[in-house]
């Protein structure tokens, strides 16, 4: 444990946002790029390029070439048709606005894209000298492409992915504002793990962490460029054999000029975990977790009370809820205070979990299939995605609605309360079936 703590402390030392790193050759930049000011894409209209139109190539060819290429890992296929997601749905008064867990028709393929001489900006936008940009995913319908691309030029930071894109009159085409950016050149081949919502712990767990399935098939001497905005990231990667010296921090206020970018795709775009991802989590649980789940645990959010974003989404009567749950034999835990090893052991030891929807609940990927869960939700934005996550993990779960302090959901992260009488009734009916 002390070793993991030292790794975490060492990683915190990168928070100075350095302009250079061991993989950055600033002196070579002027020869290779002309400048660090992005002059080759400033003033141009940048348009989307579907990675599936690049040359379909063997994985081994991606590293040594300078061509735009793609390797298909698993093909696109229809999603399963799910008759029932949740065991119960307990609505509040008034109920939350409608939400649906329904999946789109087609699951995107998983792949690895390779491009040379690209600029990485924001979470995951790769802009080439040809004026074409890609993300770490493909779109299976025109409607999904329209929705996802439309937000990239939005003025709100949580929608625009901090790329610097500005809308034009042409859909999915943008100009780029780089005034607030710093610049780094990486004059070697690197694996890029970044994805949507890069600073979010839950996004790391289901979007970025499973990319190691593709990265494991690439040469192990390659460096890995990865966003680091929480302390547990490096220890998580170390648990699956990624040496810290391979890692280059990716900061969202930088543009990275990359000689050769190897980009594993997002595997679970719609929060439906594929078989390979489930096997990845199962292997981690098998190696580091508890094999016989017995505990009843309550996932508390009281530790977020001082944070700027998620902290506004506090359960204002949580002490009352804790008193109730402790009477049913639940332990109160705060996962954000635990190391990765401790979190894996915690969730794999749980027979029953109660908690409010949030990043900590993404640790349910380390649960045993069949674990029972009461998911407390007080906003409609993420309920459908959470339901898909829990169902694909094989959990026996239900949705219990809390009551938000206001009914205006235009701004996320709203304080809420939980009706203890309704929750007691649900516990009394749900727990006997658990055993």
Protein backbone atom coordinates (compact mmCIF):
# COMPACT_ATOMS: atom_id res chain seq x y z
CA UNK A 1 0.00 0.00 0.00
CA UNK A 2 2.82 2.42 0.79
CA UNK A 3 4.14 1.90 -2.76
CA UNK A 4 0.80 2.95 -4.26
CA UNK A 5 0.70 5.98 -1.99
CA UNK A 6 4.18 7.02 -3.16
CA UNK A 7 3.07 6.69 -6.78
CA UNK A 8 0.04 8.85 -6.12
CA UNK A 9 2.15 11.48 -4.35
CA UNK A 10 4.69 11.52 -7.17
CA UNK A 11 1.95 11.98 -9.75
CA UNK A 12 0.56 14.96 -7.88
CA UNK A 13 3.89 16.63 -8.52
CA UNK A 14 2.96 16.98 -12.22
CA UNK A 15 0.21 19.45 -11.37
CA UNK A 16 2.50 22.37 -12.20
CA UNK A 17 1.41 21.99 -15.86
CA UNK A 18 4.95 21.82 -17.28
CA UNK A 19 5.53 23.09 -20.80
CA UNK A 20 7.98 20.27 -21.44
CA UNK A 21 8.36 16.65 -20.38
CA UNK A 22 10.71 13.75 -21.02
CA UNK A 23 8.96 13.07 -24.33
CA UNK A 24 9.02 16.68 -25.52
CA UNK A 25 11.85 17.91 -27.71
CA UNK A 26 11.26 21.64 -27.79
CA UNK A 27 14.42 22.32 -29.80
CA UNK A 28 13.27 20.06 -32.63
CA UNK A 29 9.89 21.76 -32.76
CA UNK A 30 10.94 24.67 -34.98
CA UNK A 31 12.31 22.30 -37.61
CA UNK A 32 9.46 19.80 -37.53
CA UNK A 33 6.49 22.11 -37.07
CA UNK A 34 7.67 25.57 -38.09
CA UNK A 35 6.28 27.07 -34.87
CA UNK A 36 4.33 26.22 -31.78
CA UNK A 37 1.55 28.61 -32.71
CA UNK A 38 -0.63 26.33 -34.78
CA UNK A 39 -0.23 28.44 -37.90
CA UNK A 40 -0.91 25.45 -40.13
CA UNK A 41 -4.54 25.20 -38.96
CA UNK A 42 -5.30 28.76 -37.83
CA UNK A 43 -7.79 30.48 -40.08
CA UNK A 44 -8.82 27.20 -41.75
CA UNK A 45 -12.18 25.50 -41.65
CA UNK A 46 -11.74 22.09 -40.06
CA UNK A 47 -14.07 19.24 -41.01
CA UNK A 48 -14.76 15.80 -39.58
CA UNK A 49 -13.20 12.68 -41.09
CA UNK A 50 -14.60 9.25 -40.31
CA UNK A 51 -11.71 6.98 -39.23
CA UNK A 52 -13.41 4.09 -41.01
CA UNK A 53 -12.42 5.73 -44.31
CA UNK A 54 -8.73 5.36 -43.53
CA UNK A 55 -6.79 2.39 -44.84
CA UNK A 56 -7.80 -0.82 -43.04
CA UNK A 57 -4.46 -2.24 -41.91
CA UNK A 58 -2.93 -4.89 -39.64
CA UNK A 59 -2.28 -3.61 -36.16
CA UNK A 60 1.46 -4.18 -36.49
CA UNK A 61 1.61 -1.74 -39.43
CA UNK A 62 0.18 1.23 -37.53
CA UNK A 63 3.32 2.11 -35.58
CA UNK A 64 5.95 2.16 -38.32
CA UNK A 65 3.98 3.96 -41.04
CA UNK A 66 3.29 7.66 -41.54
CA UNK A 67 -0.08 7.09 -43.28
CA UNK A 68 -3.55 7.56 -41.84
CA UNK A 69 -4.63 4.01 -40.95
CA UNK A 70 -7.11 2.06 -38.87
CA UNK A 71 -7.20 -1.45 -37.41
CA UNK A 72 -10.59 -2.97 -36.61
CA UNK A 73 -10.65 -4.84 -33.30
CA UNK A 74 -14.31 -5.92 -33.04
CA UNK A 75 -16.85 -5.15 -35.78
CA UNK A 76 -20.01 -3.13 -35.35
CA UNK A 77 -23.00 -5.24 -34.36
CA UNK A 78 -26.59 -4.80 -33.17
CA UNK A 79 -27.11 -4.12 -29.50
CA UNK A 80 -29.14 -6.72 -27.60
CA UNK A 81 -32.84 -6.08 -27.17
CA UNK A 82 -33.49 -5.72 -23.43
CA UNK A 83 -37.04 -6.37 -22.25
CA UNK A 84 -36.45 -5.16 -18.69
CA UNK A 85 -33.58 -3.17 -17.24
CA UNK A 86 -34.54 -2.46 -13.62
CA UNK A 87 -36.22 -4.64 -11.00
CA UNK A 88 -38.22 -1.65 -9.76
CA UNK A 89 -38.75 2.06 -10.39
CA UNK A 90 -39.82 4.06 -7.35
CA UNK A 91 -41.02 7.47 -8.53
CA UNK A 92 -40.86 10.60 -6.40
CA UNK A 93 -43.66 13.16 -6.04
CA UNK A 94 -43.46 14.94 -8.39
CA UNK A 95 -41.65 12.38 -10.53
CA UNK A 96 -38.52 13.19 -12.49
CA UNK A 97 -38.95 14.07 -16.17
CA UNK A 98 -38.97 11.05 -18.49
CA UNK A 99 -35.74 9.14 -19.06
CA UNK A 100 -35.04 6.02 -21.06
CA UNK A 101 -32.33 3.36 -21.01
CA UNK A 102 -33.06 2.29 -24.58
CA UNK A 103 -30.01 1.63 -26.73
CA UNK A 104 -29.49 2.77 -30.32
CA UNK A 105 -29.73 -0.01 -32.89
CA UNK A 106 -26.03 -0.51 -33.56
CA UNK A 107 -22.98 -0.86 -31.32
CA UNK A 108 -19.96 0.89 -32.91
CA UNK A 109 -16.91 -1.16 -33.77
CA UNK A 110 -13.83 -0.89 -31.60
CA UNK A 111 -10.65 0.05 -33.42
CA UNK A 112 -7.23 1.68 -33.24
CA UNK A 113 -6.58 4.75 -35.40
CA UNK A 114 -3.12 6.00 -36.34
CA UNK A 115 -2.33 9.47 -37.73
CA UNK A 116 0.91 11.37 -38.24
CA UNK A 117 1.56 15.07 -37.66
CA UNK A 118 -1.61 15.78 -35.72
CA UNK A 119 -2.54 18.30 -33.05
CA UNK A 120 -4.42 16.98 -30.03
CA UNK A 121 -6.58 19.62 -28.37
CA UNK A 122 -9.10 19.33 -25.55
CA UNK A 123 -10.22 15.91 -24.43
CA UNK A 124 -9.73 13.96 -27.66
CA UNK A 125 -9.82 16.01 -30.88
CA UNK A 126 -7.06 15.10 -33.34
CA UNK A 127 -6.57 17.75 -36.03
CA UNK A 128 -4.40 16.88 -39.02
CA UNK A 129 -2.48 19.03 -41.46
CA UNK A 130 -5.11 18.12 -44.05
CA UNK A 131 -7.72 20.11 -42.09
CA UNK A 132 -9.62 17.02 -40.94
CA UNK A 133 -10.30 16.17 -37.32
CA UNK A 134 -11.31 12.93 -35.59
CA UNK A 135 -12.43 11.92 -32.13
CA UNK A 136 -11.94 8.57 -30.40
CA UNK A 137 -15.26 7.21 -31.65
CA UNK A 138 -17.31 6.72 -34.77
CA UNK A 139 -20.99 7.51 -35.20
CA UNK A 140 -23.41 4.77 -36.22
CA UNK A 141 -26.26 7.08 -37.31
CA UNK A 142 -26.41 10.56 -38.88
CA UNK A 143 -28.48 11.73 -35.92
CA UNK A 144 -25.83 10.69 -33.39
CA UNK A 145 -23.16 12.41 -35.50
CA UNK A 146 -25.27 15.58 -35.69
CA UNK A 147 -25.86 15.71 -31.92
CA UNK A 148 -22.28 14.94 -30.94
CA UNK A 149 -20.62 17.31 -33.41
CA UNK A 150 -23.05 20.18 -32.77
CA UNK A 151 -21.87 20.63 -29.19
CA UNK A 152 -18.15 20.86 -30.00
CA UNK A 153 -18.43 24.57 -30.80
CA UNK A 154 -20.77 25.33 -27.90
CA UNK A 155 -19.62 28.17 -25.60
CA UNK A 156 -20.15 26.09 -22.44
CA UNK A 157 -16.99 24.27 -21.36
CA UNK A 158 -18.64 21.03 -20.29
CA UNK A 159 -20.08 20.65 -23.81
CA UNK A 160 -17.25 21.86 -26.05
CA UNK A 161 -14.58 19.52 -24.61
CA UNK A 162 -12.15 22.48 -24.32
CA UNK A 163 -10.96 21.96 -27.89
CA UNK A 164 -11.13 25.59 -28.97
CA UNK A 165 -13.57 24.94 -31.83
CA UNK A 166 -15.81 27.75 -33.00
CA UNK A 167 -18.93 27.15 -35.09
CA UNK A 168 -19.14 27.95 -38.79
CA UNK A 169 -22.15 27.97 -41.11
CA UNK A 170 -21.40 24.36 -42.05
CA UNK A 171 -22.49 21.61 -39.62
CA UNK A 172 -19.62 19.67 -38.00
CA UNK A 173 -17.09 22.17 -39.41
CA UNK A 174 -15.21 24.60 -37.18
CA UNK A 175 -12.50 27.18 -36.96
CA UNK A 176 -10.11 27.00 -34.03
CA UNK A 177 -9.34 29.57 -31.34
CA UNK A 178 -6.04 28.73 -29.65
CA UNK A 179 -5.41 31.95 -27.75
CA UNK A 180 -5.75 30.31 -24.34
CA UNK A 181 -3.59 27.29 -25.21
CA UNK A 182 0.00 26.36 -24.45
CA UNK A 183 1.93 24.16 -26.85
CA UNK A 184 3.96 20.97 -26.59
CA UNK A 185 5.56 18.90 -29.35
CA UNK A 186 5.97 15.15 -28.87
CA UNK A 187 8.38 13.96 -31.53
CA UNK A 188 7.73 10.25 -31.22
CA UNK A 189 4.91 7.70 -31.49
CA UNK A 190 2.57 7.76 -28.49
CA UNK A 191 -0.63 5.99 -27.46
CA UNK A 192 -3.40 8.49 -26.63
CA UNK A 193 -5.89 7.36 -23.96
CA UNK A 194 -7.93 10.58 -23.64
CA UNK A 195 -11.69 10.50 -24.12
CA UNK A 196 -14.85 12.47 -23.46
CA UNK A 197 -15.21 14.05 -19.98
CA UNK A 198 -11.50 13.50 -19.39
CA UNK A 199 -11.38 14.96 -15.85
CA UNK A 200 -14.24 12.76 -14.63
CA UNK A 201 -13.46 9.62 -12.61
CA UNK A 202 -16.46 7.70 -13.97
CA UNK A 203 -15.40 8.53 -17.52
CA UNK A 204 -11.95 7.13 -16.82
CA UNK A 205 -13.43 3.89 -15.51
CA UNK A 206 -15.71 3.12 -18.47
CA UNK A 207 -14.18 5.10 -21.35
CA UNK A 208 -10.40 5.30 -20.88
CA UNK A 209 -9.45 2.35 -18.66
CA UNK A 210 -10.80 -0.31 -21.11
CA UNK A 211 -8.71 1.20 -23.92
CA UNK A 212 -5.84 -0.73 -22.39
CA UNK A 213 -7.34 -3.81 -24.04
CA UNK A 214 -6.22 -2.37 -27.38
CA UNK A 215 -3.07 -0.76 -26.00
CA UNK A 216 -1.88 -4.10 -24.62
CA UNK A 217 -1.47 -5.35 -28.20
CA UNK A 218 0.84 -2.47 -29.14
CA UNK A 219 4.60 -2.28 -28.47
CA UNK A 220 5.09 -1.90 -24.74
CA UNK A 221 7.91 0.62 -25.10
CA UNK A 222 5.49 3.24 -26.45
CA UNK A 223 4.72 6.16 -24.16
CA UNK A 224 1.11 6.79 -23.17
CA UNK A 225 -0.42 10.28 -23.20
CA UNK A 226 -3.24 10.37 -20.66
CA UNK A 227 -5.26 13.10 -18.90
CA UNK A 228 -4.50 13.18 -15.19
CA UNK A 229 -6.98 15.07 -13.10
CA UNK A 230 -7.39 12.78 -10.08
CA UNK A 231 -4.80 11.19 -7.87
CA UNK A 232 -5.85 7.56 -8.29
CA UNK A 233 -5.24 7.40 -12.04
CA UNK A 234 -1.62 6.25 -11.94
CA UNK A 235 -2.22 3.60 -9.25
CA UNK A 236 -5.11 2.21 -11.31
CA UNK A 237 -2.86 1.94 -14.37
CA UNK A 238 -0.08 0.42 -12.31
CA UNK A 239 -2.47 -2.28 -11.09
CA UNK A 240 -2.78 -3.56 -14.66
CA UNK A 241 0.94 -3.41 -15.41
CA UNK A 242 1.45 0.10 -16.84
CA UNK A 243 4.76 1.46 -15.56
CA UNK A 244 4.49 5.12 -14.44
CA UNK A 245 7.56 6.07 -16.49
CA UNK A 246 5.58 5.31 -19.67
CA UNK A 247 3.05 8.04 -18.87
CA UNK A 248 2.95 11.60 -20.19
CA UNK A 249 0.39 13.92 -18.52
CA UNK A 250 -2.16 15.44 -20.89
CA UNK A 251 -3.44 18.86 -19.83
CA UNK A 252 -6.55 20.42 -21.29
CA UNK A 253 -4.99 23.89 -21.55
CA UNK A 254 -2.33 22.54 -23.94
CA UNK A 255 -2.25 21.57 -27.61
CA UNK A 256 -0.01 18.58 -28.28
CA UNK A 257 1.73 18.34 -31.66
CA UNK A 258 2.27 14.61 -32.05
CA UNK A 259 4.55 12.97 -34.59
CA UNK A 260 2.52 9.74 -34.65
CA UNK A 261 -0.67 9.34 -32.59
CA UNK A 262 -2.02 5.84 -31.91
CA UNK A 263 -5.62 6.23 -30.74
CA UNK A 264 -7.59 3.30 -29.29
CA UNK A 265 -11.30 3.92 -29.68
CA UNK A 266 -13.82 4.29 -26.91
CA UNK A 267 -15.25 0.78 -26.40
CA UNK A 268 -18.47 1.56 -24.52
CA UNK A 269 -19.89 4.69 -26.04
CA UNK A 270 -23.48 4.06 -24.94
CA UNK A 271 -22.56 2.85 -21.45
CA UNK A 272 -23.28 -0.75 -22.42
CA UNK A 273 -20.18 -2.73 -21.45
CA UNK A 274 -19.03 -5.14 -24.16
CA UNK A 275 -17.84 -8.66 -23.41
CA UNK A 276 -14.16 -7.74 -23.68
CA UNK A 277 -14.59 -4.89 -21.20
CA UNK A 278 -16.47 -7.13 -18.77
CA UNK A 279 -13.65 -9.65 -19.02
CA UNK A 280 -11.15 -6.87 -18.30
CA UNK A 281 -12.97 -5.86 -15.10
CA UNK A 282 -13.48 -9.50 -14.10
CA UNK A 283 -9.76 -10.17 -14.40
CA UNK A 284 -8.99 -7.18 -12.16
CA UNK A 285 -11.55 -8.34 -9.61
CA UNK A 286 -10.20 -11.88 -9.77
CA UNK A 287 -6.68 -10.70 -9.05
CA UNK A 288 -7.30 -7.93 -6.53
CA UNK A 289 -10.86 -8.31 -5.25
CA UNK A 290 -12.90 -10.33 -2.77
CA UNK A 291 -14.26 -13.60 -4.12
CA UNK A 292 -17.30 -14.00 -1.83
CA UNK A 293 -19.53 -10.91 -1.49
CA UNK A 294 -21.22 -10.55 1.90
CA UNK A 295 -21.39 -6.87 2.86
CA UNK A 296 -24.12 -4.26 2.76
CA UNK A 297 -22.60 -0.88 1.88
CA UNK A 298 -23.93 2.63 1.48
CA UNK A 299 -22.00 4.94 -0.87
CA UNK A 300 -22.00 8.35 0.79
CA UNK A 301 -21.55 11.65 -1.05
CA UNK A 302 -20.93 13.74 2.07
CA UNK A 303 -17.26 14.09 1.16
CA UNK A 304 -18.22 16.12 -1.93
CA UNK A 305 -19.93 18.86 0.05
CA UNK A 306 -17.10 21.32 -0.60
CA UNK A 307 -16.51 20.62 -4.29
CA UNK A 308 -17.51 23.10 -6.99
CA UNK A 309 -19.48 20.79 -9.27
CA UNK A 310 -20.61 17.47 -7.87
CA UNK A 311 -20.76 19.03 -4.41
CA UNK A 312 -23.91 20.93 -5.37
CA UNK A 313 -25.56 17.53 -5.90
CA UNK A 314 -25.70 16.78 -2.18
CA UNK A 315 -28.29 14.77 -0.30
CA UNK A 316 -29.40 17.39 2.20
CA UNK A 317 -30.95 14.88 4.64
CA UNK A 318 -28.18 12.31 4.31
CA UNK A 319 -27.71 11.93 8.08
CA UNK A 320 -31.32 10.77 8.34
CA UNK A 321 -30.79 8.30 5.51
CA UNK A 322 -27.60 6.98 7.13
CA UNK A 323 -29.41 6.38 10.41
CA UNK A 324 -32.04 4.37 8.53
CA UNK A 325 -29.53 2.30 6.57
CA UNK A 326 -27.36 1.54 9.58
CA UNK A 327 -30.45 0.03 11.15
CA UNK A 328 -30.52 -2.43 8.24
CA UNK A 329 -26.88 -3.38 8.70
CA UNK A 330 -25.28 -1.09 6.09
CA UNK A 331 -21.73 0.24 6.39
CA UNK A 332 -21.16 3.87 5.35
CA UNK A 333 -18.23 4.28 2.95
CA UNK A 334 -16.68 7.18 1.00
CA UNK A 335 -14.88 5.60 -1.99
CA UNK A 336 -13.06 8.81 -2.99
CA UNK A 337 -10.96 8.42 0.17
CA UNK A 338 -9.82 4.91 -0.77
CA UNK A 339 -6.96 3.68 -2.93
CA UNK A 340 -7.79 1.76 -6.13
CA UNK A 341 -7.03 -1.54 -4.40
CA UNK A 342 -9.34 -0.64 -1.54
CA UNK A 343 -12.13 0.40 -3.92
CA UNK A 344 -11.88 -2.84 -5.87
CA UNK A 345 -11.98 -4.87 -2.66
CA UNK A 346 -14.90 -2.80 -1.36
CA UNK A 347 -17.16 -3.18 -4.37
CA UNK A 348 -16.26 -6.82 -4.98
CA UNK A 349 -17.14 -7.58 -1.33
CA UNK A 350 -20.61 -6.02 -1.58
CA UNK A 351 -23.72 -8.15 -1.66
CA UNK A 352 -26.02 -5.11 -1.52
CA UNK A 353 -25.24 -1.49 -2.39
CA UNK A 354 -27.27 1.66 -1.83
CA UNK A 355 -26.03 4.96 -3.20
CA UNK A 356 -26.79 8.08 -5.18
CA UNK A 357 -25.86 8.08 -8.85
CA UNK A 358 -22.42 9.58 -9.47
CA UNK A 359 -18.84 8.77 -10.34
CA UNK A 360 -18.31 6.48 -7.34
CA UNK A 361 -21.09 4.21 -8.58
CA UNK A 362 -19.02 3.41 -11.68
CA UNK A 363 -16.97 1.24 -9.33
CA UNK A 364 -19.83 -1.25 -9.62
CA UNK A 365 -17.92 -2.57 -12.64
CA UNK A 366 -15.84 -4.46 -10.04
CA UNK A 367 -18.92 -6.04 -8.46
CA UNK A 368 -19.80 -9.68 -8.94
CA UNK A 369 -22.68 -10.23 -11.37
CA UNK A 370 -25.88 -10.57 -9.38
CA UNK A 371 -24.95 -7.94 -6.79
CA UNK A 372 -28.07 -6.05 -5.65
CA UNK A 373 -28.21 -2.27 -5.95
CA UNK A 374 -30.61 0.53 -5.05
CA UNK A 375 -29.60 3.50 -7.22
CA UNK A 376 -30.87 6.85 -5.92
CA UNK A 377 -31.37 9.37 -8.74
CA UNK A 378 -32.58 12.96 -8.43
CA UNK A 379 -31.93 14.31 -11.95
CA UNK A 380 -32.97 12.83 -15.30
CA UNK A 381 -29.73 13.51 -17.23
CA UNK A 382 -27.78 10.35 -16.51
CA UNK A 383 -30.36 7.80 -15.35
CA UNK A 384 -30.64 5.99 -18.67
CA UNK A 385 -26.86 5.61 -18.95
CA UNK A 386 -26.56 4.37 -15.38
CA UNK A 387 -29.28 1.80 -16.05
CA UNK A 388 -27.39 0.50 -19.09
CA UNK A 389 -24.16 0.28 -17.10
CA UNK A 390 -25.76 -1.68 -14.26
CA UNK A 391 -27.71 -3.98 -16.57
CA UNK A 392 -24.71 -4.81 -18.77
CA UNK A 393 -22.66 -5.53 -15.62
CA UNK A 394 -25.34 -8.06 -14.61
CA UNK A 395 -26.47 -6.29 -11.45
CA UNK A 396 -29.90 -6.75 -9.89
CA UNK A 397 -30.90 -3.14 -9.44
CA UNK A 398 -33.74 -0.69 -9.11
CA UNK A 399 -34.12 3.09 -9.41
CA UNK A 400 -35.27 5.09 -6.39
CA UNK A 401 -36.02 8.74 -7.18
CA UNK A 402 -35.02 11.48 -4.78
CA UNK A 403 -36.67 14.91 -4.72
CA UNK A 404 -34.55 17.75 -6.17
CA UNK A 405 -34.65 21.15 -4.48
CA UNK A 406 -35.88 22.73 -7.74
CA UNK A 407 -37.59 21.33 -10.81
CA UNK A 408 -35.42 23.28 -13.26
CA UNK A 409 -32.94 20.78 -14.72
CA UNK A 410 -31.27 23.14 -17.20
CA UNK A 411 -28.25 23.25 -14.86
CA UNK A 412 -27.00 19.91 -13.53
CA UNK A 413 -25.97 19.00 -9.96
CA UNK A 414 -28.96 19.98 -7.82
CA UNK A 415 -29.30 19.38 -4.06
CA UNK A 416 -31.95 16.77 -3.24
CA UNK A 417 -33.65 14.90 -0.43
CA UNK A 418 -34.63 11.25 0.00
CA UNK A 419 -37.95 10.29 1.54
CA UNK A 420 -36.97 7.96 4.41
CA UNK A 421 -40.46 6.44 4.66
CA UNK A 422 -40.42 5.39 1.00
CA UNK A 423 -36.83 4.16 1.29
CA UNK A 424 -37.65 2.07 4.37
CA UNK A 425 -40.53 0.48 2.50
CA UNK A 426 -38.28 -0.37 -0.43
CA UNK A 427 -35.59 -1.84 1.83
CA UNK A 428 -38.14 -4.01 3.58
CA UNK A 429 -39.37 -5.42 0.28
CA UNK A 430 -36.01 -5.64 -1.52
CA UNK A 431 -33.63 -7.01 1.09
CA UNK A 432 -35.44 -10.28 1.92
CA UNK A 433 -35.05 -11.35 -1.71
CA UNK A 434 -31.31 -10.81 -1.48
CA UNK A 435 -30.81 -13.35 1.26
